[in-house]
Amino acid sequence: MLPEHDVETVRRWAEALTPAEVRDRSRAEVELAPRSLTIYESSLMGDQWIRVSVARLGWSGPSKLWTLYRFDSNSKAHRYEFLEPRKRVTDLLDEIDDDPTFIFWG
């Protein structure tokens, strides 16, 4: 089970990425799975939303560590090799924000 406090932290972070005045046509979204959170960049194209995978945050309950994953051009997740698993989810969010390899936001 994902730590609820961390889930809320990621949700607040995603919401803060997009100014309120453009959320009706572009926004960051977070999708929950049993052991991960996936972050998407969503944009309204015509009358449908297009989602692009940005990053996945994987949770290991036994070790209580978060692992950052990146997506390739085929939307397949791969472990992000420039950051070791961390106890604090905010460390992963900081790496996505900084995006030193331009792999998350292009």
N, C-alpha and C. Protein backbone atom coordinates (compact mmCIF):
# COMPACT_ATOMS: atom_id res chain seq x y z
N MET A 1 0.82 -1.17 0.00
CA MET A 1 0.00 0.00 0.00
C MET A 1 0.88 1.25 0.00
N LEU A 2 0.50 2.23 -0.81
CA LEU A 2 1.27 3.46 -0.91
C LEU A 2 1.05 4.34 0.33
N PRO A 3 2.11 4.99 0.80
CA PRO A 3 1.96 5.90 1.94
C PRO A 3 1.06 7.09 1.55
N GLU A 4 -0.05 7.26 2.25
CA GLU A 4 -1.02 8.30 1.90
C GLU A 4 -0.42 9.70 1.91
N HIS A 5 0.44 9.97 2.86
CA HIS A 5 1.07 11.30 2.92
C HIS A 5 1.87 11.57 1.64
N ASP A 6 2.60 10.58 1.17
CA ASP A 6 3.39 10.74 -0.06
C ASP A 6 2.48 10.90 -1.28
N VAL A 7 1.39 10.16 -1.31
CA VAL A 7 0.43 10.29 -2.42
C VAL A 7 -0.09 11.72 -2.47
N GLU A 8 -0.46 12.26 -1.33
CA GLU A 8 -0.96 13.64 -1.29
C GLU A 8 0.12 14.63 -1.68
N THR A 9 1.36 14.38 -1.29
CA THR A 9 2.47 15.25 -1.68
C THR A 9 2.61 15.28 -3.19
N VAL A 10 2.54 14.13 -3.83
CA VAL A 10 2.68 14.05 -5.29
C VAL A 10 1.49 14.73 -5.96
N ARG A 11 0.30 14.52 -5.45
CA ARG A 11 -0.89 15.17 -6.03
C ARG A 11 -0.79 16.69 -5.95
N ARG A 12 -0.38 17.21 -4.80
CA ARG A 12 -0.23 18.66 -4.65
C ARG A 12 0.86 19.20 -5.58
N TRP A 13 1.95 18.46 -5.71
CA TRP A 13 3.05 18.85 -6.60
C TRP A 13 2.54 18.93 -8.04
N ALA A 14 1.79 17.92 -8.48
CA ALA A 14 1.28 17.89 -9.85
C ALA A 14 0.31 19.04 -10.09
N GLU A 15 -0.54 19.30 -9.13
CA GLU A 15 -1.50 20.40 -9.28
C GLU A 15 -0.78 21.74 -9.39
N ALA A 16 0.28 21.92 -8.62
CA ALA A 16 1.03 23.18 -8.64
C ALA A 16 1.80 23.40 -9.93
N LEU A 17 2.02 22.35 -10.72
CA LEU A 17 2.75 22.49 -11.98
C LEU A 17 2.00 23.32 -13.02
N THR A 18 0.68 23.30 -12.95
CA THR A 18 -0.13 23.95 -13.97
C THR A 18 -0.94 25.08 -13.36
N PRO A 19 -0.79 26.28 -13.90
CA PRO A 19 -1.60 27.39 -13.40
C PRO A 19 -3.09 27.09 -13.58
N ALA A 20 -3.90 27.53 -12.63
CA ALA A 20 -5.34 27.25 -12.64
C ALA A 20 -6.02 27.70 -13.93
N GLU A 21 -5.56 28.78 -14.51
CA GLU A 21 -6.23 29.32 -15.70
C GLU A 21 -6.05 28.47 -16.96
N VAL A 22 -5.14 27.50 -16.96
CA VAL A 22 -4.98 26.64 -18.15
C VAL A 22 -5.33 25.18 -17.90
N ARG A 23 -5.75 24.85 -16.68
CA ARG A 23 -6.04 23.44 -16.34
C ARG A 23 -7.18 22.84 -17.14
N ASP A 24 -8.00 23.67 -17.75
CA ASP A 24 -9.09 23.13 -18.56
C ASP A 24 -8.61 22.64 -19.92
N ARG A 25 -7.30 22.87 -20.24
CA ARG A 25 -6.77 22.40 -21.51
C ARG A 25 -5.38 21.76 -21.43
N SER A 26 -4.73 21.89 -20.27
CA SER A 26 -3.40 21.28 -20.07
C SER A 26 -3.15 21.14 -18.58
N ARG A 27 -2.65 19.96 -18.19
CA ARG A 27 -2.39 19.74 -16.76
C ARG A 27 -1.54 18.50 -16.55
N ALA A 28 -0.94 18.44 -15.37
CA ALA A 28 -0.24 17.23 -14.94
C ALA A 28 -1.25 16.39 -14.16
N GLU A 29 -1.23 15.09 -14.37
CA GLU A 29 -2.14 14.18 -13.69
C GLU A 29 -1.34 13.07 -13.04
N VAL A 30 -1.91 12.51 -11.99
CA VAL A 30 -1.28 11.41 -11.26
C VAL A 30 -2.26 10.24 -11.22
N GLU A 31 -1.77 9.08 -11.63
CA GLU A 31 -2.59 7.86 -11.61
C GLU A 31 -1.99 6.90 -10.59
N LEU A 32 -2.84 6.40 -9.71
CA LEU A 32 -2.39 5.48 -8.66
C LEU A 32 -2.53 4.03 -9.10
N ALA A 33 -1.56 3.23 -8.71
CA ALA A 33 -1.59 1.77 -8.86
C ALA A 33 -1.21 1.22 -7.48
N PRO A 34 -1.34 -0.06 -7.27
CA PRO A 34 -1.04 -0.60 -5.92
C PRO A 34 0.36 -0.27 -5.40
N ARG A 35 1.36 -0.25 -6.29
CA ARG A 35 2.74 0.00 -5.82
C ARG A 35 3.44 1.11 -6.58
N SER A 36 2.67 1.98 -7.23
CA SER A 36 3.32 3.06 -7.97
C SER A 36 2.36 4.22 -8.24
N LEU A 37 2.96 5.34 -8.59
CA LEU A 37 2.25 6.52 -9.05
C LEU A 37 2.81 6.87 -10.42
N THR A 38 1.96 7.11 -11.39
CA THR A 38 2.43 7.50 -12.70
C THR A 38 2.00 8.94 -12.96
N ILE A 39 2.94 9.73 -13.42
CA ILE A 39 2.69 11.14 -13.71
C ILE A 39 2.55 11.30 -15.22
N TYR A 40 1.50 12.00 -15.63
CA TYR A 40 1.21 12.24 -17.03
C TYR A 40 1.12 13.74 -17.29
N GLU A 41 1.49 14.13 -18.50
CA GLU A 41 1.20 15.46 -18.99
C GLU A 41 0.01 15.29 -19.92
N SER A 42 -1.10 15.94 -19.58
CA SER A 42 -2.34 15.79 -20.36
C SER A 42 -2.69 17.09 -21.03
N SER A 43 -3.08 17.00 -22.29
CA SER A 43 -3.46 18.17 -23.08
C SER A 43 -4.74 17.88 -23.83
N LEU A 44 -5.60 18.88 -23.90
CA LEU A 44 -6.85 18.76 -24.64
C LEU A 44 -6.58 19.03 -26.11
N MET A 45 -6.88 18.05 -26.95
CA MET A 45 -6.72 18.17 -28.40
C MET A 45 -8.09 17.98 -29.01
N GLY A 46 -8.68 19.07 -29.47
CA GLY A 46 -10.05 18.99 -29.96
C GLY A 46 -10.97 18.71 -28.80
N ASP A 47 -11.64 17.57 -28.83
CA ASP A 47 -12.54 17.23 -27.74
C ASP A 47 -12.06 16.03 -26.92
N GLN A 48 -10.78 15.64 -27.09
CA GLN A 48 -10.27 14.54 -26.28
C GLN A 48 -8.93 14.88 -25.64
N TRP A 49 -8.72 14.24 -24.50
CA TRP A 49 -7.48 14.44 -23.76
C TRP A 49 -6.42 13.46 -24.24
N ILE A 50 -5.22 13.97 -24.48
CA ILE A 50 -4.07 13.16 -24.86
C ILE A 50 -3.12 13.14 -23.66
N ARG A 51 -2.74 11.93 -23.26
CA ARG A 51 -1.85 11.78 -22.11
C ARG A 51 -0.49 11.27 -22.56
N VAL A 52 0.55 11.92 -22.05
CA VAL A 52 1.92 11.50 -22.31
C VAL A 52 2.55 11.14 -20.97
N SER A 53 3.13 9.95 -20.89
CA SER A 53 3.77 9.50 -19.66
C SER A 53 5.02 10.32 -19.39
N VAL A 54 5.14 10.83 -18.19
CA VAL A 54 6.30 11.64 -17.80
C VAL A 54 7.25 10.83 -16.93
N ALA A 55 6.72 10.23 -15.85
CA ALA A 55 7.56 9.48 -14.91
C ALA A 55 6.69 8.54 -14.09
N ARG A 56 7.34 7.55 -13.52
CA ARG A 56 6.65 6.65 -12.59
C ARG A 56 7.47 6.63 -11.30
N LEU A 57 6.77 6.65 -10.18
CA LEU A 57 7.39 6.56 -8.88
C LEU A 57 6.98 5.22 -8.29
N GLY A 58 7.94 4.32 -8.17
CA GLY A 58 7.66 2.98 -7.66
C GLY A 58 7.94 2.89 -6.18
N TRP A 59 7.04 2.23 -5.45
CA TRP A 59 7.16 2.10 -3.99
C TRP A 59 7.48 0.67 -3.61
N SER A 60 8.47 0.51 -2.76
CA SER A 60 8.78 -0.80 -2.19
C SER A 60 8.45 -0.75 -0.70
N GLY A 61 7.36 -1.38 -0.33
CA GLY A 61 6.93 -1.39 1.07
C GLY A 61 7.96 -1.96 2.02
N PRO A 62 8.54 -3.14 1.70
CA PRO A 62 9.51 -3.73 2.64
C PRO A 62 10.71 -2.83 2.93
N SER A 63 11.25 -2.18 1.89
CA SER A 63 12.41 -1.32 2.11
C SER A 63 12.03 0.12 2.40
N LYS A 64 10.75 0.45 2.16
CA LYS A 64 10.24 1.82 2.34
C LYS A 64 11.03 2.83 1.51
N LEU A 65 11.27 2.43 0.25
CA LEU A 65 12.01 3.29 -0.67
C LEU A 65 11.19 3.58 -1.92
N TRP A 66 11.36 4.78 -2.45
CA TRP A 66 10.77 5.19 -3.72
C TRP A 66 11.83 5.09 -4.80
N THR A 67 11.45 4.57 -5.98
CA THR A 67 12.36 4.46 -7.12
C THR A 67 11.76 5.24 -8.29
N LEU A 68 12.59 5.99 -8.97
CA LEU A 68 12.15 6.81 -10.10
C LEU A 68 12.34 6.04 -11.40
N TYR A 69 11.31 6.09 -12.26
CA TYR A 69 11.34 5.47 -13.58
C TYR A 69 11.07 6.52 -14.64
N ARG A 70 11.70 6.35 -15.77
CA ARG A 70 11.48 7.20 -16.94
C ARG A 70 10.77 6.37 -18.00
N PHE A 71 10.24 7.02 -19.01
CA PHE A 71 9.57 6.31 -20.10
C PHE A 71 10.34 6.51 -21.39
N ASP A 72 10.38 5.46 -22.23
CA ASP A 72 11.01 5.58 -23.54
C ASP A 72 9.96 6.02 -24.56
N SER A 73 10.34 6.11 -25.81
CA SER A 73 9.43 6.59 -26.86
C SER A 73 8.27 5.64 -27.12
N ASN A 74 8.35 4.41 -26.60
CA ASN A 74 7.26 3.44 -26.75
C ASN A 74 6.42 3.35 -25.47
N SER A 75 6.59 4.32 -24.58
CA SER A 75 5.87 4.38 -23.30
C SER A 75 6.17 3.20 -22.38
N LYS A 76 7.37 2.65 -22.51
CA LYS A 76 7.81 1.57 -21.62
C LYS A 76 8.66 2.20 -20.51
N ALA A 77 8.37 1.82 -19.27
CA ALA A 77 9.09 2.37 -18.11
C ALA A 77 10.43 1.69 -17.92
N HIS A 78 11.44 2.49 -17.58
CA HIS A 78 12.79 2.00 -17.26
C HIS A 78 13.27 2.72 -16.02
N ARG A 79 14.02 2.02 -15.20
CA ARG A 79 14.56 2.67 -14.01
C ARG A 79 15.46 3.84 -14.43
N TYR A 80 15.24 4.97 -13.80
CA TYR A 80 16.05 6.17 -14.04
C TYR A 80 17.38 5.96 -13.34
N GLU A 81 18.44 5.88 -14.12
CA GLU A 81 19.73 5.45 -13.59
C GLU A 81 20.54 6.52 -12.87
N PHE A 82 20.08 7.76 -12.84
CA PHE A 82 20.86 8.83 -12.24
C PHE A 82 20.43 9.19 -10.82
N LEU A 83 19.51 8.41 -10.25
CA LEU A 83 19.08 8.66 -8.89
C LEU A 83 18.77 7.33 -8.22
N GLU A 84 19.46 7.06 -7.14
CA GLU A 84 19.21 5.83 -6.39
C GLU A 84 17.87 5.91 -5.67
N PRO A 85 17.27 4.77 -5.35
CA PRO A 85 16.01 4.79 -4.58
C PRO A 85 16.18 5.61 -3.30
N ARG A 86 15.09 6.30 -2.95
CA ARG A 86 15.13 7.23 -1.81
C ARG A 86 13.96 7.01 -0.87
N LYS A 87 14.16 7.39 0.37
CA LYS A 87 13.09 7.32 1.36
C LYS A 87 12.08 8.45 1.17
N ARG A 88 12.54 9.60 0.70
CA ARG A 88 11.67 10.76 0.55
C ARG A 88 11.19 10.89 -0.89
N VAL A 89 9.88 10.87 -1.09
CA VAL A 89 9.31 11.02 -2.43
C VAL A 89 9.65 12.39 -3.01
N THR A 90 9.85 13.38 -2.15
CA THR A 90 10.18 14.72 -2.64
C THR A 90 11.53 14.75 -3.36
N ASP A 91 12.44 13.85 -3.02
CA ASP A 91 13.72 13.77 -3.74
C ASP A 91 13.49 13.41 -5.21
N LEU A 92 12.53 12.52 -5.46
CA LEU A 92 12.21 12.12 -6.83
C LEU A 92 11.53 13.27 -7.57
N LEU A 93 10.62 13.95 -6.89
CA LEU A 93 9.94 15.09 -7.51
C LEU A 93 10.93 16.21 -7.85
N ASP A 94 11.90 16.43 -6.98
CA ASP A 94 12.95 17.43 -7.26
C ASP A 94 13.74 17.06 -8.51
N GLU A 95 14.03 15.77 -8.67
CA GLU A 95 14.77 15.32 -9.86
C GLU A 95 13.95 15.53 -11.12
N ILE A 96 12.65 15.25 -11.04
CA ILE A 96 11.77 15.47 -12.20
C ILE A 96 11.72 16.96 -12.51
N ASP A 97 11.60 17.80 -11.49
CA ASP A 97 11.58 19.26 -11.69
C ASP A 97 12.87 19.75 -12.33
N ASP A 98 13.99 19.30 -11.80
CA ASP A 98 15.30 19.74 -12.32
C ASP A 98 15.53 19.19 -13.72
N ASP A 99 15.12 17.96 -13.96
CA ASP A 99 15.23 17.28 -15.25
C ASP A 99 16.60 17.49 -15.92
N PRO A 100 17.69 17.13 -15.23
CA PRO A 100 19.02 17.40 -15.77
C PRO A 100 19.32 16.68 -17.08
N THR A 101 18.62 15.60 -17.37
CA THR A 101 18.86 14.84 -18.61
C THR A 101 17.82 15.15 -19.69
N PHE A 102 16.87 16.01 -19.40
CA PHE A 102 15.77 16.36 -20.33
C PHE A 102 14.95 15.14 -20.73
N ILE A 103 14.88 14.17 -19.86
CA ILE A 103 14.16 12.94 -20.21
C ILE A 103 12.70 12.98 -19.76
N PHE A 104 12.37 13.82 -18.80
CA PHE A 104 11.01 13.86 -18.29
C PHE A 104 10.13 14.84 -19.06
N TRP A 105 10.58 16.06 -19.16
CA TRP A 105 9.77 17.10 -19.81
C TRP A 105 10.26 17.44 -21.22
N GLY A 106 11.29 16.73 -21.68
CA GLY A 106 11.76 16.95 -23.05
C GLY A 106 12.66 18.07 -23.12
